[in-house]
Protein backbone atom coordinates (compact mmCIF):
# COMPACT_ATOMS: atom_id res chain seq x y z
CA MET A 1 -114.92 19.72 84.77
CA SER A 2 -112.40 17.19 85.96
CA PHE A 3 -108.72 16.83 84.94
CA LYS A 4 -107.99 14.38 82.05
CA PRO A 5 -104.39 13.43 81.86
CA LYS A 6 -102.95 13.02 78.39
CA ASP A 7 -100.94 10.13 77.07
CA PHE A 8 -97.09 10.63 77.21
CA ASP A 9 -96.80 8.90 73.86
CA GLU A 10 -98.52 11.77 72.07
CA GLU A 11 -96.26 14.32 73.71
CA ASP A 12 -93.23 12.39 72.80
CA ARG A 13 -94.51 12.14 69.12
CA PHE A 14 -95.10 15.88 69.20
CA MET A 15 -91.60 16.76 70.39
CA HIS A 16 -90.09 14.39 67.88
CA ALA A 17 -92.10 16.07 65.03
CA LEU A 18 -91.16 19.53 66.29
CA HIS A 19 -87.44 18.64 66.45
CA ARG A 20 -87.52 17.13 63.02
CA LEU A 21 -89.18 20.32 61.65
CA ALA A 22 -86.49 22.33 63.28
CA MET A 23 -83.66 20.30 61.91
CA LEU A 24 -85.20 20.37 58.37
CA CYS A 25 -85.53 24.11 58.50
CA LYS A 26 -81.92 24.43 59.72
CA THR A 27 -80.31 22.07 57.30
CA ARG A 28 -82.18 23.26 54.20
CA GLY A 29 -82.21 26.99 55.23
CA VAL A 30 -86.05 27.36 55.23
CA ASN A 31 -87.68 30.24 57.08
CA LEU A 32 -91.14 28.94 58.11
CA LYS A 33 -92.89 32.22 58.65
CA ASN A 34 -91.99 33.29 55.14
CA GLU A 35 -93.90 30.36 53.77
CA TYR A 36 -97.20 31.81 54.99
CA ALA A 37 -96.43 35.53 54.35
CA ASP A 38 -98.86 35.57 51.35
CA PHE A 39 -101.66 34.70 53.60
CA ASP A 40 -100.69 36.78 56.55
CA ARG A 41 -98.97 40.01 55.20
CA ALA A 42 -100.33 40.54 51.75
CA PRO A 43 -100.93 44.25 51.24
CA VAL A 44 -104.07 43.64 49.12
CA ALA A 45 -107.19 42.48 51.06
CA SER A 46 -108.36 38.93 50.13
CA PRO A 47 -111.28 36.78 51.15
CA SER A 48 -108.80 34.09 51.87
CA ARG A 49 -107.34 36.15 54.72
CA THR A 50 -109.69 35.52 57.59
CA ASN A 51 -107.34 36.76 60.25
CA SER A 52 -106.03 40.19 61.12
CA TYR A 53 -103.14 41.69 59.20
CA MET A 54 -99.77 40.33 60.42
CA GLY A 55 -101.49 38.30 63.05
CA GLY A 56 -99.44 35.22 62.65
CA LYS A 57 -102.31 32.98 61.98
CA VAL A 58 -103.66 31.00 59.02
CA THR A 59 -106.41 28.52 58.56
CA LYS A 60 -105.75 24.86 58.77
CA ASN A 61 -106.12 24.26 55.19
CA GLN A 62 -103.71 27.06 54.37
CA PHE A 63 -101.22 25.78 56.98
CA ILE A 64 -101.26 22.15 55.37
CA ARG A 65 -101.20 23.47 51.82
CA LYS A 66 -98.14 25.68 52.25
CA PHE A 67 -96.22 23.22 54.57
CA PRO A 68 -92.70 23.02 53.14
CA PHE A 69 -91.85 19.39 54.17
CA LYS A 70 -94.82 17.23 52.99
CA LYS A 71 -92.55 14.53 51.47
CA GLU A 72 -90.16 14.44 54.41
CA MET A 73 -92.70 14.20 57.20
CA PRO A 74 -95.80 11.96 57.39
CA THR A 75 -99.33 13.34 57.44
CA GLU A 76 -99.90 12.23 61.03
CA ASP A 77 -97.00 14.44 62.25
CA ILE A 78 -98.28 17.43 60.23
CA GLU A 79 -101.78 16.99 61.64
CA LEU A 80 -100.34 16.65 65.18
CA LEU A 81 -98.43 19.98 64.74
CA ALA A 82 -101.53 21.64 63.51
CA ASP A 83 -103.57 20.45 66.44
CA LYS A 84 -100.99 21.52 69.05
CA TYR A 85 -100.75 25.10 67.61
CA MET A 86 -104.51 25.50 66.95
CA THR A 87 -106.39 28.42 68.48
CA GLU A 88 -109.86 28.56 70.00
CA GLN A 89 -111.16 29.79 66.62
CA GLY A 90 -109.69 26.89 64.73
CA ASP A 91 -106.76 28.83 63.18
CA ILE A 92 -103.16 27.70 63.26
CA HIS A 93 -100.66 30.07 64.95
CA PHE A 94 -97.69 29.46 62.78
CA MET A 95 -95.80 32.38 64.25
CA ALA A 96 -95.76 30.57 67.57
CA MET A 97 -94.48 27.44 65.90
CA HIS A 98 -91.74 29.65 64.08
CA ASN A 99 -90.73 31.06 67.45
CA ASP A 100 -90.35 27.60 69.08
CA ILE A 101 -88.25 26.47 66.21
CA SER A 102 -86.05 29.64 66.24
CA GLU A 103 -85.22 28.94 69.94
CA VAL A 104 -83.28 25.81 69.00
CA THR A 105 -81.98 27.03 65.67
CA SER A 106 -78.67 28.85 65.74
CA HIS A 107 -78.52 32.15 63.74
CA GLU A 108 -74.81 32.35 63.74
CA ALA A 109 -72.89 32.00 60.46
CA PRO A 110 -71.65 28.44 59.75
CA PRO A 111 -68.01 27.95 60.65
CA PHE A 112 -65.64 28.73 57.82
CA PRO A 113 -64.22 25.44 56.39
CA LYS A 114 -60.46 25.16 57.01
CA SER A 115 -57.69 22.56 56.97
CA ASP A 116 -55.20 22.96 59.62
CA LEU A 117 -51.59 22.32 58.52
CA ILE A 118 -50.18 19.57 60.82
CA LEU A 119 -46.64 18.76 59.82
CA LYS A 120 -45.37 15.31 60.45
CA PRO A 121 -42.37 15.56 62.87
CA ASP A 122 -39.03 15.00 60.91
CA HIS A 123 -36.37 13.48 63.16
CA SER A 124 -33.81 13.25 60.30
CA GLU A 125 -30.40 14.90 60.63
CA TRP A 126 -29.67 16.95 57.50
CA SER A 127 -26.16 17.75 56.08
CA GLN A 128 -26.70 21.50 56.14
CA SER A 129 -27.33 21.44 59.87
CA ARG A 130 -23.64 20.75 60.28
CA ILE A 131 -22.29 23.74 58.36
CA THR A 132 -22.25 27.39 59.48
CA ALA A 133 -24.35 30.21 58.18
CA VAL A 134 -21.16 31.82 56.63
CA ASP A 135 -20.51 28.61 54.61
CA LYS A 136 -24.02 28.69 53.35
CA ILE A 137 -23.87 32.29 52.35
CA ARG A 138 -20.46 31.74 50.73
CA SER A 139 -21.67 28.73 48.72
CA LYS A 140 -24.71 30.75 47.53
CA ALA A 141 -22.56 33.80 46.67
CA VAL A 142 -20.31 31.76 44.56
CA GLU A 143 -23.28 29.88 42.87
CA LYS A 144 -25.19 33.09 41.98
CA ARG A 145 -22.06 35.18 41.31
CA VAL A 146 -23.13 38.13 43.53
CA ARG A 147 -21.13 40.75 45.21
CA LEU A 148 -22.02 41.63 48.84
CA TYR A 149 -19.70 44.56 49.50
CA GLU A 150 -21.22 47.14 47.19
CA HIS A 151 -24.73 46.56 48.48
CA PHE A 152 -23.65 46.99 52.05
CA GLN A 153 -21.91 50.27 51.12
CA ASP A 154 -25.28 51.61 50.08
CA PHE A 155 -26.33 51.69 53.83
CA ASP A 156 -22.96 53.04 54.94
CA PRO A 157 -22.34 56.45 53.43
CA LEU A 158 -19.34 57.14 55.75
CA ARG A 159 -17.66 53.92 54.72
CA LYS A 160 -17.04 52.85 58.32
CA GLY A 161 -17.70 49.16 57.53
CA PHE A 162 -20.70 48.71 59.84
CA CYS A 163 -24.45 48.73 59.46
CA THR A 164 -27.59 47.51 61.54
CA ALA A 165 -28.92 44.08 61.65
CA SER A 166 -32.07 45.03 59.77
CA GLN A 167 -30.01 46.38 56.90
CA VAL A 168 -28.17 43.18 56.72
CA LYS A 169 -31.52 41.45 56.24
CA THR A 170 -32.46 43.95 53.57
CA VAL A 171 -29.13 43.27 51.65
CA PHE A 172 -30.06 39.56 51.68
CA THR A 173 -33.40 40.24 50.37
CA ILE A 174 -32.04 42.47 47.48
CA LEU A 175 -29.60 39.73 46.57
CA ASN A 176 -32.28 37.00 46.67
CA LEU A 177 -30.45 35.15 49.53
CA ALA A 178 -33.02 35.60 52.20
CA LYS A 179 -34.90 32.45 51.16
CA ASP A 180 -31.83 30.44 51.45
CA ILE A 181 -31.05 31.65 55.09
CA GLY A 182 -33.45 30.63 57.76
CA ARG A 183 -34.27 32.39 61.01
CA VAL A 184 -31.88 30.14 63.00
CA ASP A 185 -29.04 30.81 60.60
CA PHE A 186 -29.49 34.59 60.70
CA GLU A 187 -29.60 34.62 64.47
CA GLN A 188 -26.30 32.63 64.41
CA LEU A 189 -24.68 35.02 61.90
CA ILE A 190 -25.57 38.27 63.55
CA PRO A 191 -23.58 37.84 66.90
CA MET A 192 -20.49 36.61 64.99
CA TYR A 193 -19.73 40.05 63.51
CA THR A 194 -21.58 42.43 65.97
CA ARG A 195 -19.64 44.75 68.10
CA ASP A 196 -20.55 46.15 71.47
CA ASP A 197 -22.82 48.93 70.26
CA GLY A 198 -25.01 46.40 68.24
CA LEU A 199 -23.60 47.33 64.74
CA PHE A 200 -22.83 44.60 62.24
CA GLY A 201 -19.25 44.53 60.82
CA TYR A 202 -20.05 43.84 57.18
CA LYS A 203 -16.45 44.53 55.99
CA ASP A 204 -15.14 41.42 57.90
CA PHE A 205 -18.20 39.37 56.86
CA CYS A 206 -17.67 40.15 53.21
CA ALA A 207 -14.02 39.30 53.39
CA ASP A 208 -14.77 35.83 54.84
CA VAL A 209 -17.48 35.23 52.16
CA ASP A 210 -15.15 36.39 49.29
CA ARG A 211 -12.32 34.28 50.58
CA GLU A 212 -13.44 31.39 48.23
CA PHE A 213 -13.02 33.09 45.02
CA CYS A 214 -11.15 36.36 45.83
CA VAL A 215 -7.41 36.52 46.75
CA PRO A 216 -6.52 39.71 48.63
CA ASN A 217 -3.69 41.76 47.39
CA LEU A 218 -3.38 39.66 44.31
CA GLU A 219 -1.81 42.51 42.34
CA ARG A 220 1.36 42.24 44.46
CA ASP A 221 2.17 38.88 43.16
CA PRO A 222 1.86 38.92 39.32
CA LEU A 223 3.04 35.32 38.97
CA ALA A 224 0.47 33.86 41.38
CA GLN A 225 -1.96 31.43 39.96
CA THR A 226 -5.55 31.12 41.24
CA SER A 227 -8.05 28.54 40.68
CA MET A 228 -11.57 29.09 39.85
CA PRO A 229 -14.40 27.68 42.04
CA ASP A 230 -15.86 24.45 40.92
CA ALA A 231 -18.91 22.42 41.77
CA SER A 232 -17.58 21.33 45.07
CA SER A 233 -17.43 25.00 46.27
CA THR A 234 -21.32 25.27 45.95
CA MET A 235 -22.14 21.69 46.91
CA ALA A 236 -22.73 22.62 50.64
CA ALA A 237 -25.65 25.04 49.56
CA ARG A 238 -27.01 23.14 46.59
CA ARG A 239 -27.33 19.63 48.21
CA ASN A 240 -28.82 18.84 51.56
CA LYS A 241 -28.95 15.06 52.34
CA VAL A 242 -29.94 12.96 55.27
CA GLN A 243 -27.15 11.72 57.49
CA LEU A 244 -27.45 7.95 57.97
CA THR A 245 -26.03 5.47 60.45
CA ARG A 246 -23.59 2.79 59.52
CA ASP A 247 -26.35 0.17 59.72
CA ARG A 248 -28.53 2.04 57.20
CA LEU A 249 -25.55 2.60 54.86
CA ALA A 250 -24.82 -1.16 54.91
CA GLN A 251 -28.48 -1.85 54.08
CA TRP A 252 -28.22 0.62 51.26
CA ASN A 253 -25.13 -0.88 49.83
CA SER A 254 -26.71 -4.40 49.94
CA LEU A 255 -29.83 -3.04 48.20
CA GLU A 256 -27.93 -1.32 45.47
CA ASP A 257 -25.71 -4.37 44.84
CA ARG A 258 -28.82 -6.38 44.11
CA ILE A 259 -30.42 -3.68 41.86
CA ARG A 260 -27.16 -3.25 40.13
CA SER A 261 -26.74 -6.89 39.44
CA LYS A 262 -30.20 -7.21 37.95
CA VAL A 263 -29.84 -4.26 35.78
CA LYS A 264 -26.52 -5.62 34.40
CA LYS A 265 -27.79 -9.14 33.99
CA ASN A 266 -31.06 -8.31 32.33
CA ARG A 267 -29.75 -5.11 30.63
CA ILE A 268 -32.57 -3.01 31.91
CA ASN A 269 -32.49 0.67 30.74
CA LEU A 270 -34.05 2.67 33.45
CA LEU A 271 -32.93 6.18 32.29
CA PRO A 272 -35.69 6.75 29.64
CA ALA A 273 -38.47 5.80 32.13
CA LEU A 274 -37.11 8.13 34.78
CA ARG A 275 -36.39 10.87 32.33
CA ASP A 276 -40.05 10.74 31.04
CA MET A 277 -41.21 11.68 34.52
CA ASP A 278 -38.87 14.65 34.77
CA LYS A 279 -40.88 17.21 32.85
CA THR A 280 -38.81 20.18 33.96
CA ASN A 281 -35.46 18.44 33.13
CA ASN A 282 -33.83 19.45 36.53
CA GLY A 283 -32.65 15.91 37.45
CA HIS A 284 -35.28 15.32 40.06
CA ILE A 285 -38.59 13.52 40.28
CA THR A 286 -40.83 12.61 43.08
CA VAL A 287 -40.48 9.44 45.14
CA ASN A 288 -43.86 8.09 43.97
CA GLN A 289 -42.74 8.62 40.23
CA PHE A 290 -39.45 6.76 41.02
CA TYR A 291 -41.46 3.97 42.64
CA ARG A 292 -43.88 3.67 39.59
CA ALA A 293 -40.87 3.65 37.18
CA MET A 294 -39.09 0.89 39.11
CA ILE A 295 -42.28 -1.20 39.27
CA ALA A 296 -42.89 -0.74 35.52
CA ASN A 297 -39.28 -1.77 34.59
CA GLY A 298 -38.91 -5.12 36.25
CA PHE A 299 -38.59 -4.38 39.92
CA PRO A 300 -42.07 -5.45 41.38
CA SER A 301 -40.53 -6.84 44.56
CA LEU A 302 -39.17 -3.45 45.61
CA SER A 303 -40.88 -2.69 48.90
CA GLU A 304 -41.80 0.68 50.32
CA GLU A 305 -39.20 0.32 53.01
CA GLU A 306 -36.56 -0.16 50.40
CA VAL A 307 -37.84 2.89 48.52
CA VAL A 308 -37.64 4.93 51.81
CA LEU A 309 -34.09 3.87 52.20
CA LEU A 310 -33.14 4.85 48.62
CA SER A 311 -34.88 8.22 49.05
CA SER A 312 -32.97 8.92 52.21
CA ILE A 313 -29.80 8.71 50.13
CA TYR A 314 -30.82 10.43 46.94
CA CYS A 315 -33.25 13.13 48.23
CA ASP A 316 -30.67 15.90 48.27
CA LEU A 317 -32.73 19.09 48.29
CA GLY A 318 -33.71 19.13 52.01
CA THR A 319 -36.97 17.30 51.48
CA HIS A 320 -38.14 13.67 51.46
CA LEU A 321 -39.91 14.11 48.01
CA ASP A 322 -37.32 15.26 45.42
CA TYR A 323 -35.52 12.22 44.15
CA ASN A 324 -32.16 12.69 42.33
CA TYR A 325 -32.38 9.99 39.66
CA VAL A 326 -29.25 11.22 37.90
CA ASP A 327 -27.00 10.30 40.79
CA PHE A 328 -29.07 7.11 41.18
CA MET A 329 -28.30 6.08 37.58
CA LYS A 330 -24.58 6.84 37.90
CA SER A 331 -24.45 4.47 40.81
CA ILE A 332 -26.61 1.76 39.41
CA ASP A 333 -25.73 1.72 35.72
CA VAL A 334 -22.14 2.73 35.62
CA PRO A 335 -21.01 3.40 31.99
CA ASP A 336 -17.92 1.96 30.50
CA GLU A 337 -14.73 4.09 30.09
CA GLU A 338 -15.12 3.99 26.32
CA VAL A 339 -18.75 5.32 26.65
CA GLU A 340 -17.59 8.23 28.91
CA ILE A 341 -14.87 9.14 26.46
CA ALA A 342 -17.37 9.03 23.59
CA MET A 343 -19.86 11.19 25.44
CA ALA A 344 -17.16 13.70 26.38
CA GLN A 345 -16.02 13.95 22.75
CA LEU A 346 -19.60 14.28 21.64
CA GLN A 347 -20.38 17.13 23.95
CA ALA A 348 -16.97 18.89 23.56
CA PRO A 349 -16.83 22.07 21.41
CA TYR A 350 -16.11 21.75 17.66
CA GLN A 351 -12.41 21.66 16.73
CA GLY A 352 -11.31 21.85 13.08
CA ASP A 353 -8.78 19.43 11.60
CA ASN A 354 -5.22 20.74 12.33
CA PRO A 355 -2.52 19.93 9.84
CA ALA A 356 0.27 17.51 10.77
CA GLN A 357 3.30 19.09 12.36
CA TYR A 358 6.42 17.81 10.56
CA PHE A 359 8.80 20.42 11.86
CA ASP A 360 9.39 21.87 15.20
CA ALA A 361 10.16 25.56 15.90
CA ARG A 362 13.90 25.17 15.00
CA GLY A 363 13.05 23.43 11.65
CA LYS A 364 13.90 19.91 12.56
CA VAL A 365 11.80 17.02 11.64
CA ILE A 366 9.59 15.66 14.40
CA ARG A 367 10.07 11.90 14.82
CA MET A 368 7.01 9.76 14.71
CA SER A 369 6.34 8.14 18.06
């Protein structure tokens, strides 16, 4: 018997069909050997099982009848696969086909889908980067009206005025100040009040923090007058703006002059549209909401670069997203003096009608001015 070489085209078609079958089984999660388990591993003897139990073989009709991808693969490829895995007795060795497919199929679990957080680099310089950690804590202590000294004394039973650095972090967590003090600020604060043995001098620290609203030895001066802290005392911790150059500030002034002129000329009331966006009534909206409100109220020519310029001025919470529309309206639509007086009188507490004063304390008639 002489050697008869086969055509390479048939071998290429067979490898293509086998690869396609492997990809279909992988993508659709089909286990090929389980498709023929009824013919090969049925516990009850049947005339349809012409091969030995668990022999991995079925007849050609059974192979074609239970083939799982009849719609996806043409009949010629199915016949080609059957011919390649046919035994001398005319049966199809589907287990050998399953083993060949399993060699190229990965049995590992699919990778868990994830989305890596890639933060955009921010090269802006914020106002809070110029103040010290003590100033931040002082502003937050005034804003939240918290007392630091008593909480530090819980970790100092001997009242020596010192504690460990971890206890300082615990006190900040108890007072809900840890979220306002970053790692860099904490590392800057600890060496300022730490002595040689590594203990933190909380007594001096609390004295520096309470200096804003506590006057030491006030009882020794009964006639002394102290002032209560106002909004400027907490401004350093409540507001965090971007520091702009002179050129950017000049561009901002020019842009606001154009917006202010158009608002005054056309009598555009922007406040209701901006306030509708503020569902939580905290005086801030997103930059996209501000852009939509400006487009809808007669500013379609406002470009994205101009919105970015405005957001760098009025985004004062340490992010580029929260836009302070209240300060924007105070700068754009400045109310008249009479309107401010009327609003102050409207929001003032109730005062009853006082009778006219005709006589002073000595009984003399008060002249009409």
